[in-house]
Amino acid sequence: MTRRALLKKFDKETETLWDQLYKIKDLLESAEDYELSELGGKFLDQIAEGIEDGDISLEDIRDQISG
């Protein structure tokens, strides 16, 4: 697989990951329970922070793929 194709697939899958995380947040908000909704928002924030600012970020992986 070429680096370009790999990067394209990687970006598609990370987009799917974000979509799923927001679906989980929306699901918890749909319960119309403030505390549950708050937990869902904090959970999403926690995961987003780890993905974006963790020891290994999505950008690190993209850079490695791009070479």
N, C-alpha and C. Protein backbone atom coordinates (compact mmCIF):
# COMPACT_ATOMS: atom_id res chain seq x y z
N MET A 1 0.86 -1.17 0.00
CA MET A 1 0.00 0.00 0.00
C MET A 1 0.91 1.24 0.00
N THR A 2 0.57 2.19 -0.80
CA THR A 2 1.36 3.41 -0.85
C THR A 2 1.12 4.25 0.40
N ARG A 3 2.06 5.12 0.69
CA ARG A 3 1.90 5.99 1.86
C ARG A 3 0.68 6.88 1.71
N ARG A 4 0.46 7.35 0.50
CA ARG A 4 -0.69 8.21 0.25
C ARG A 4 -2.01 7.48 0.52
N ALA A 5 -2.10 6.23 0.05
CA ALA A 5 -3.31 5.44 0.28
C ALA A 5 -3.48 5.13 1.77
N LEU A 6 -2.38 4.82 2.43
CA LEU A 6 -2.43 4.54 3.86
C LEU A 6 -2.90 5.76 4.64
N LEU A 7 -2.36 6.92 4.29
CA LEU A 7 -2.76 8.15 4.96
C LEU A 7 -4.23 8.46 4.74
N LYS A 8 -4.71 8.23 3.53
CA LYS A 8 -6.12 8.46 3.23
C LYS A 8 -7.01 7.54 4.07
N LYS A 9 -6.64 6.27 4.16
CA LYS A 9 -7.42 5.32 4.96
C LYS A 9 -7.33 5.66 6.44
N PHE A 10 -6.16 6.06 6.90
CA PHE A 10 -5.98 6.45 8.29
C PHE A 10 -6.89 7.62 8.63
N ASP A 11 -6.91 8.62 7.78
CA ASP A 11 -7.75 9.79 8.01
C ASP A 11 -9.23 9.41 8.03
N LYS A 12 -9.63 8.52 7.15
CA LYS A 12 -11.02 8.07 7.10
C LYS A 12 -11.40 7.35 8.40
N GLU A 13 -10.52 6.49 8.86
CA GLU A 13 -10.81 5.74 10.08
C GLU A 13 -10.80 6.63 11.32
N THR A 14 -9.92 7.63 11.36
CA THR A 14 -9.94 8.53 12.51
C THR A 14 -11.21 9.38 12.50
N GLU A 15 -11.68 9.73 11.32
CA GLU A 15 -12.95 10.46 11.23
C GLU A 15 -14.09 9.59 11.77
N THR A 16 -14.07 8.31 11.43
CA THR A 16 -15.07 7.38 11.94
C THR A 16 -14.98 7.27 13.46
N LEU A 17 -13.76 7.24 13.98
CA LEU A 17 -13.56 7.20 15.43
C LEU A 17 -14.22 8.40 16.10
N TRP A 18 -13.96 9.61 15.59
CA TRP A 18 -14.57 10.82 16.17
C TRP A 18 -16.10 10.75 16.07
N ASP A 19 -16.60 10.28 14.92
CA ASP A 19 -18.06 10.16 14.76
C ASP A 19 -18.64 9.25 15.84
N GLN A 20 -17.99 8.14 16.11
CA GLN A 20 -18.48 7.19 17.11
C GLN A 20 -18.44 7.80 18.52
N LEU A 21 -17.38 8.52 18.82
CA LEU A 21 -17.29 9.15 20.13
C LEU A 21 -18.42 10.17 20.33
N TYR A 22 -18.71 10.94 19.29
CA TYR A 22 -19.80 11.91 19.41
C TYR A 22 -21.16 11.22 19.50
N LYS A 23 -21.30 10.06 18.86
CA LYS A 23 -22.55 9.30 18.98
C LYS A 23 -22.75 8.82 20.41
N ILE A 24 -21.68 8.40 21.06
CA ILE A 24 -21.77 7.97 22.46
C ILE A 24 -22.18 9.15 23.33
N LYS A 25 -21.56 10.30 23.10
CA LYS A 25 -21.92 11.51 23.86
C LYS A 25 -23.38 11.86 23.65
N ASP A 26 -23.83 11.84 22.39
CA ASP A 26 -25.22 12.15 22.07
C ASP A 26 -26.18 11.15 22.71
N LEU A 27 -25.80 9.89 22.73
CA LEU A 27 -26.63 8.87 23.35
C LEU A 27 -26.83 9.16 24.83
N LEU A 28 -25.75 9.49 25.51
CA LEU A 28 -25.86 9.80 26.93
C LEU A 28 -26.67 11.07 27.18
N GLU A 29 -26.54 12.05 26.30
CA GLU A 29 -27.34 13.27 26.42
C GLU A 29 -28.82 13.01 26.19
N SER A 30 -29.13 12.02 25.36
CA SER A 30 -30.53 11.74 25.04
C SER A 30 -31.28 11.14 26.22
N ALA A 31 -30.56 10.70 27.24
CA ALA A 31 -31.21 10.15 28.44
C ALA A 31 -31.89 11.24 29.25
N GLU A 32 -31.61 12.50 28.91
CA GLU A 32 -32.19 13.64 29.60
C GLU A 32 -31.90 13.59 31.10
N ASP A 33 -30.69 13.17 31.42
CA ASP A 33 -30.19 13.12 32.79
C ASP A 33 -28.95 14.01 32.81
N TYR A 34 -29.04 15.13 33.52
CA TYR A 34 -27.97 16.12 33.51
C TYR A 34 -26.62 15.52 33.90
N GLU A 35 -26.60 14.74 34.97
CA GLU A 35 -25.35 14.16 35.45
C GLU A 35 -24.76 13.19 34.43
N LEU A 36 -25.60 12.39 33.82
CA LEU A 36 -25.16 11.45 32.80
C LEU A 36 -24.63 12.20 31.58
N SER A 37 -25.32 13.26 31.21
CA SER A 37 -24.89 14.09 30.09
C SER A 37 -23.53 14.72 30.38
N GLU A 38 -23.34 15.21 31.60
CA GLU A 38 -22.06 15.80 31.99
C GLU A 38 -20.94 14.76 31.94
N LEU A 39 -21.23 13.56 32.41
CA LEU A 39 -20.24 12.49 32.35
C LEU A 39 -19.86 12.18 30.91
N GLY A 40 -20.85 12.15 30.04
CA GLY A 40 -20.59 11.89 28.63
C GLY A 40 -19.70 12.95 28.01
N GLY A 41 -19.96 14.21 28.35
CA GLY A 41 -19.14 15.30 27.83
C GLY A 41 -17.72 15.24 28.35
N LYS A 42 -17.58 14.94 29.63
CA LYS A 42 -16.24 14.84 30.22
C LYS A 42 -15.48 13.64 29.67
N PHE A 43 -16.20 12.56 29.43
CA PHE A 43 -15.59 11.36 28.84
C PHE A 43 -15.04 11.67 27.46
N LEU A 44 -15.85 12.35 26.65
CA LEU A 44 -15.40 12.74 25.31
C LEU A 44 -14.19 13.67 25.40
N ASP A 45 -14.24 14.64 26.30
CA ASP A 45 -13.12 15.56 26.47
C ASP A 45 -11.84 14.82 26.86
N GLN A 46 -11.99 13.87 27.76
CA GLN A 46 -10.84 13.10 28.23
C GLN A 46 -10.21 12.31 27.09
N ILE A 47 -11.03 11.66 26.30
CA ILE A 47 -10.52 10.89 25.17
C ILE A 47 -9.90 11.82 24.13
N ALA A 48 -10.56 12.93 23.84
CA ALA A 48 -10.05 13.89 22.85
C ALA A 48 -8.70 14.43 23.28
N GLU A 49 -8.56 14.73 24.56
CA GLU A 49 -7.29 15.25 25.06
C GLU A 49 -6.18 14.22 24.88
N GLY A 50 -6.48 12.97 25.17
CA GLY A 50 -5.49 11.91 25.00
C GLY A 50 -5.11 11.70 23.54
N ILE A 51 -6.08 11.79 22.66
CA ILE A 51 -5.83 11.60 21.24
C ILE A 51 -5.01 12.76 20.67
N GLU A 52 -5.35 13.96 21.07
CA GLU A 52 -4.71 15.14 20.49
C GLU A 52 -3.40 15.52 21.18
N ASP A 53 -3.32 15.30 22.49
CA ASP A 53 -2.17 15.79 23.24
C ASP A 53 -1.39 14.71 23.97
N GLY A 54 -1.71 13.46 23.72
CA GLY A 54 -1.03 12.38 24.41
C GLY A 54 0.41 12.21 23.93
N ASP A 55 1.09 11.25 24.51
CA ASP A 55 2.47 10.98 24.13
C ASP A 55 2.58 10.70 22.63
N ILE A 56 1.59 10.05 22.08
CA ILE A 56 1.53 9.80 20.64
C ILE A 56 0.22 10.39 20.14
N SER A 57 0.33 11.35 19.24
CA SER A 57 -0.87 12.02 18.72
C SER A 57 -1.17 11.53 17.31
N LEU A 58 -2.36 11.87 16.85
CA LEU A 58 -2.71 11.53 15.47
C LEU A 58 -1.75 12.18 14.49
N GLU A 59 -1.32 13.38 14.82
CA GLU A 59 -0.38 14.09 13.93
C GLU A 59 0.97 13.38 13.88
N ASP A 60 1.40 12.81 14.99
CA ASP A 60 2.64 12.03 15.00
C ASP A 60 2.54 10.85 14.03
N ILE A 61 1.41 10.19 14.04
CA ILE A 61 1.21 9.04 13.17
C ILE A 61 1.15 9.50 11.71
N ARG A 62 0.43 10.58 11.46
CA ARG A 62 0.37 11.12 10.09
C ARG A 62 1.76 11.48 9.58
N ASP A 63 2.55 12.11 10.43
CA ASP A 63 3.91 12.48 10.04
C ASP A 63 4.74 11.25 9.71
N GLN A 64 4.59 10.21 10.51
CA GLN A 64 5.35 8.98 10.27
C GLN A 64 4.93 8.32 8.97
N ILE A 65 3.64 8.33 8.68
CA ILE A 65 3.15 7.76 7.42
C ILE A 65 3.68 8.56 6.24
N SER A 66 3.64 9.87 6.36
CA SER A 66 4.07 10.73 5.27
C SER A 66 5.57 10.61 5.01
N GLY A 67 6.29 10.22 6.04
CA GLY A 67 7.73 9.99 5.90
C GLY A 67 8.53 11.20 5.76
